[in-house]
Amino acid sequence: MKILNMFFSTTGNTAKVAQTISNTVQQAGHHIETVKVKKDLDLDLLSYDLIFVGSGIYEWLPGQPMISLFTKLRRQYAAQGEIKPSAPRRHGKKVVVYCTYGGCHTGPNEALPAVKFMGQLFDHLGFDIVGEWYTVGEYHPEIYKAMSSGGRLGDIRGRPHEGDLAEIAEKVKGILLV
């Protein structure tokens, strides 16, 4: 099985989750390619059997490098005829979409648009979306620290913490069994 873990993180929260995913996959005896999304990244998503894709949440959406990459890939795959009416399923192609978020105003609802945005490219390509994971992450930098203790989610300082990452590891183990 060919596995990719692609992520975008500016604060380190999503990078912690991405590292946990990669470590867990490797401990289960699989090879995984882990890629931090940046400008001019070139990937053939269709060459992978299982993809983990994640981002921090920035004003309800994934980070701009992720948005730019997905826009480029959508146009590329559409031009190649890989995006078809009714989005027929591709046997054996799976994706897990994940994010880290602070949700100081409306909680997890702030993360939903980003996860759905990232999932749409894969849904159009015929991948089965086998997971949508939302992990709380504290705010960075210092000017936003007050939001880590005064928002709707309560005190989220230090998150994602060991318990959050252990939960991610268990989810990864479950996905690998499917």
Protein backbone atom coordinates (compact mmCIF):
# COMPACT_ATOMS: atom_id res chain seq x y z
CA MET A 1 0.00 0.00 0.00
CA LYS A 2 1.40 3.39 -1.00
CA ILE A 3 0.68 6.00 1.72
CA LEU A 4 1.05 9.79 1.71
CA ASN A 5 0.72 12.21 4.61
CA MET A 6 0.55 15.79 3.33
CA PHE A 7 0.03 18.68 5.71
CA PHE A 8 0.37 22.41 6.22
CA SER A 9 1.25 23.96 9.57
CA THR A 10 2.49 27.39 10.59
CA THR A 11 2.32 27.01 14.37
CA GLY A 12 3.43 23.41 14.84
CA ASN A 13 0.04 22.09 16.00
CA THR A 14 -0.77 20.28 12.76
CA ALA A 15 2.87 19.21 12.42
CA LYS A 16 2.51 17.32 15.75
CA VAL A 17 -0.53 15.49 14.42
CA ALA A 18 1.20 14.77 11.10
CA GLN A 19 4.24 13.37 12.90
CA THR A 20 2.02 11.15 15.06
CA ILE A 21 0.29 9.83 11.94
CA SER A 22 3.61 9.08 10.22
CA ASN A 23 5.15 7.46 13.30
CA THR A 24 2.08 5.25 13.83
CA VAL A 25 2.03 4.13 10.19
CA GLN A 26 5.74 3.27 10.36
CA GLN A 27 5.33 1.40 13.65
CA ALA A 28 2.61 -0.66 11.97
CA GLY A 29 5.19 -1.75 9.39
CA HIS A 30 4.18 0.48 6.47
CA HIS A 31 6.19 3.01 4.50
CA ILE A 32 4.74 6.54 4.42
CA GLU A 33 5.82 9.62 2.52
CA THR A 34 5.34 12.75 4.67
CA VAL A 35 5.25 16.09 2.87
CA LYS A 36 4.80 19.59 4.25
CA VAL A 37 2.85 21.55 1.65
CA LYS A 38 4.62 24.57 0.28
CA LYS A 39 4.62 26.55 -2.93
CA ASP A 40 5.28 24.65 -6.17
CA LEU A 41 4.74 21.18 -4.69
CA ASP A 42 4.19 18.57 -7.39
CA LEU A 43 2.26 15.43 -6.38
CA ASP A 44 0.36 12.73 -8.21
CA LEU A 45 -2.40 11.96 -5.71
CA LEU A 46 -3.74 9.14 -7.85
CA SER A 47 -0.54 7.14 -7.34
CA TYR A 48 -1.37 6.68 -3.62
CA ASP A 49 -3.72 4.15 -2.03
CA LEU A 50 -4.16 5.98 1.28
CA ILE A 51 -3.69 9.70 1.86
CA PHE A 52 -3.77 11.64 5.09
CA VAL A 53 -4.21 15.36 4.41
CA GLY A 54 -4.30 18.04 7.08
CA SER A 55 -3.99 21.71 7.86
CA GLY A 56 -4.35 24.19 10.61
CA ILE A 57 -7.44 26.37 10.35
CA TYR A 58 -6.97 29.97 9.29
CA GLU A 59 -10.19 31.99 9.23
CA TRP A 60 -12.29 28.83 8.65
CA LEU A 61 -10.15 27.51 5.79
CA PRO A 62 -6.94 25.54 5.37
CA GLY A 63 -3.70 27.48 4.99
CA GLN A 64 -3.15 29.40 1.77
CA PRO A 65 -0.46 27.01 0.45
CA MET A 66 -2.98 24.15 0.77
CA ILE A 67 -5.69 26.16 -0.98
CA SER A 68 -3.28 27.03 -3.81
CA LEU A 69 -2.16 23.41 -4.20
CA PHE A 70 -5.73 22.10 -4.26
CA THR A 71 -6.75 24.71 -6.84
CA LYS A 72 -3.80 23.72 -9.05
CA LEU A 73 -4.50 20.00 -8.66
CA ARG A 74 -8.24 20.39 -9.33
CA ARG A 75 -7.50 22.19 -12.60
CA GLN A 76 -4.80 19.68 -13.54
CA TYR A 77 -6.97 16.62 -12.89
CA ALA A 78 -9.98 18.18 -14.62
CA ALA A 79 -7.86 18.89 -17.71
CA GLN A 80 -6.66 15.26 -17.67
CA GLY A 81 -10.26 14.00 -17.51
CA GLU A 82 -9.73 12.47 -14.06
CA ILE A 83 -12.63 14.38 -12.54
CA LYS A 84 -15.77 12.80 -13.97
CA PRO A 85 -19.52 13.47 -13.65
CA SER A 86 -20.98 11.67 -10.61
CA ALA A 87 -17.44 11.17 -9.23
CA PRO A 88 -17.27 7.37 -9.61
CA ARG A 89 -15.36 5.64 -6.81
CA ARG A 90 -11.81 4.44 -7.42
CA HIS A 91 -11.40 1.03 -5.86
CA GLY A 92 -8.82 1.00 -3.08
CA LYS A 93 -8.33 4.78 -2.91
CA LYS A 94 -8.90 6.23 0.58
CA VAL A 95 -8.32 9.55 2.29
CA VAL A 96 -8.43 10.87 5.84
CA VAL A 97 -8.83 14.64 6.19
CA TYR A 98 -7.63 16.18 9.46
CA CYS A 99 -7.13 19.58 11.03
CA THR A 100 -6.10 21.41 14.16
CA TYR A 101 -8.19 24.35 15.32
CA GLY A 102 -8.69 26.73 18.22
CA GLY A 103 -12.37 27.49 17.81
CA CYS A 104 -12.40 30.37 20.28
CA HIS A 105 -15.64 31.81 18.88
CA THR A 106 -17.90 28.97 17.76
CA GLY A 107 -15.93 25.85 18.69
CA PRO A 108 -15.55 23.00 16.19
CA ASN A 109 -17.86 24.70 13.68
CA GLU A 110 -14.93 26.93 12.79
CA ALA A 111 -13.05 23.89 11.46
CA LEU A 112 -15.82 22.27 9.39
CA PRO A 113 -15.43 24.43 6.24
CA ALA A 114 -11.70 23.68 5.96
CA VAL A 115 -12.09 19.93 6.30
CA LYS A 116 -14.94 19.87 3.80
CA PHE A 117 -12.90 22.05 1.41
CA MET A 118 -9.93 19.66 1.52
CA GLY A 119 -12.16 16.60 1.19
CA GLN A 120 -13.90 17.83 -1.95
CA LEU A 121 -10.91 17.36 -4.25
CA PHE A 122 -10.59 13.74 -3.15
CA ASP A 123 -14.33 13.13 -3.37
CA HIS A 124 -14.31 14.44 -6.95
CA LEU A 125 -11.36 12.18 -7.74
CA GLY A 126 -13.30 9.15 -6.48
CA PHE A 127 -11.47 8.52 -3.21
CA ASP A 128 -13.45 7.17 -0.26
CA ILE A 129 -13.25 9.65 2.61
CA VAL A 130 -12.78 7.27 5.54
CA GLY A 131 -12.20 9.87 8.24
CA GLU A 132 -12.54 13.52 9.15
CA TRP A 133 -10.50 14.30 12.25
CA TYR A 134 -10.68 17.52 14.26
CA THR A 135 -7.99 18.12 16.91
CA VAL A 136 -7.90 21.10 19.23
CA GLY A 137 -4.73 23.18 19.09
CA GLU A 138 -3.64 26.17 21.14
CA TYR A 139 -3.23 29.60 19.59
CA HIS A 140 0.14 30.99 18.53
CA PRO A 141 1.84 33.52 18.50
CA GLU A 142 1.88 35.39 21.79
CA ILE A 143 -0.63 38.07 20.70
CA TYR A 144 -3.32 35.37 20.39
CA LYS A 145 -2.51 33.51 23.63
CA ALA A 146 -5.57 34.95 25.44
CA MET A 147 -7.78 33.03 22.99
CA SER A 148 -6.22 29.79 24.24
CA SER A 149 -7.79 30.27 27.66
CA GLY A 150 -10.85 32.43 27.04
CA GLY A 151 -12.71 30.85 24.16
CA ARG A 152 -15.71 28.59 23.82
CA LEU A 153 -13.56 25.46 24.24
CA GLY A 154 -12.19 26.54 27.60
CA ASP A 155 -8.48 26.34 28.38
CA ILE A 156 -6.75 24.77 25.37
CA ARG A 157 -3.20 25.75 26.27
CA GLY A 158 -0.73 22.98 25.47
CA ARG A 159 -2.97 21.27 22.93
CA PRO A 160 -2.70 19.08 21.06
CA HIS A 161 -1.42 17.26 24.13
CA GLU A 162 -0.34 13.64 24.64
CA GLY A 163 -3.95 12.47 25.04
CA ASP A 164 -4.96 14.11 21.74
CA LEU A 165 -2.01 12.54 19.95
CA ALA A 166 -2.69 9.12 21.48
CA GLU A 167 -6.24 9.36 20.13
CA ILE A 168 -4.87 10.16 16.67
CA ALA A 169 -2.54 7.15 16.86
CA GLU A 170 -5.47 4.86 17.71
CA LYS A 171 -7.48 6.24 14.79
CA VAL A 172 -4.57 5.62 12.43
CA LYS A 173 -4.31 2.01 13.61
CA GLY A 174 -8.00 1.57 12.92
CA ILE A 175 -7.73 3.05 9.41
CA LEU A 176 -4.86 0.71 8.58
CA LEU A 177 -7.09 -2.26 9.39
CA VAL A 178 -9.84 -1.16 6.97
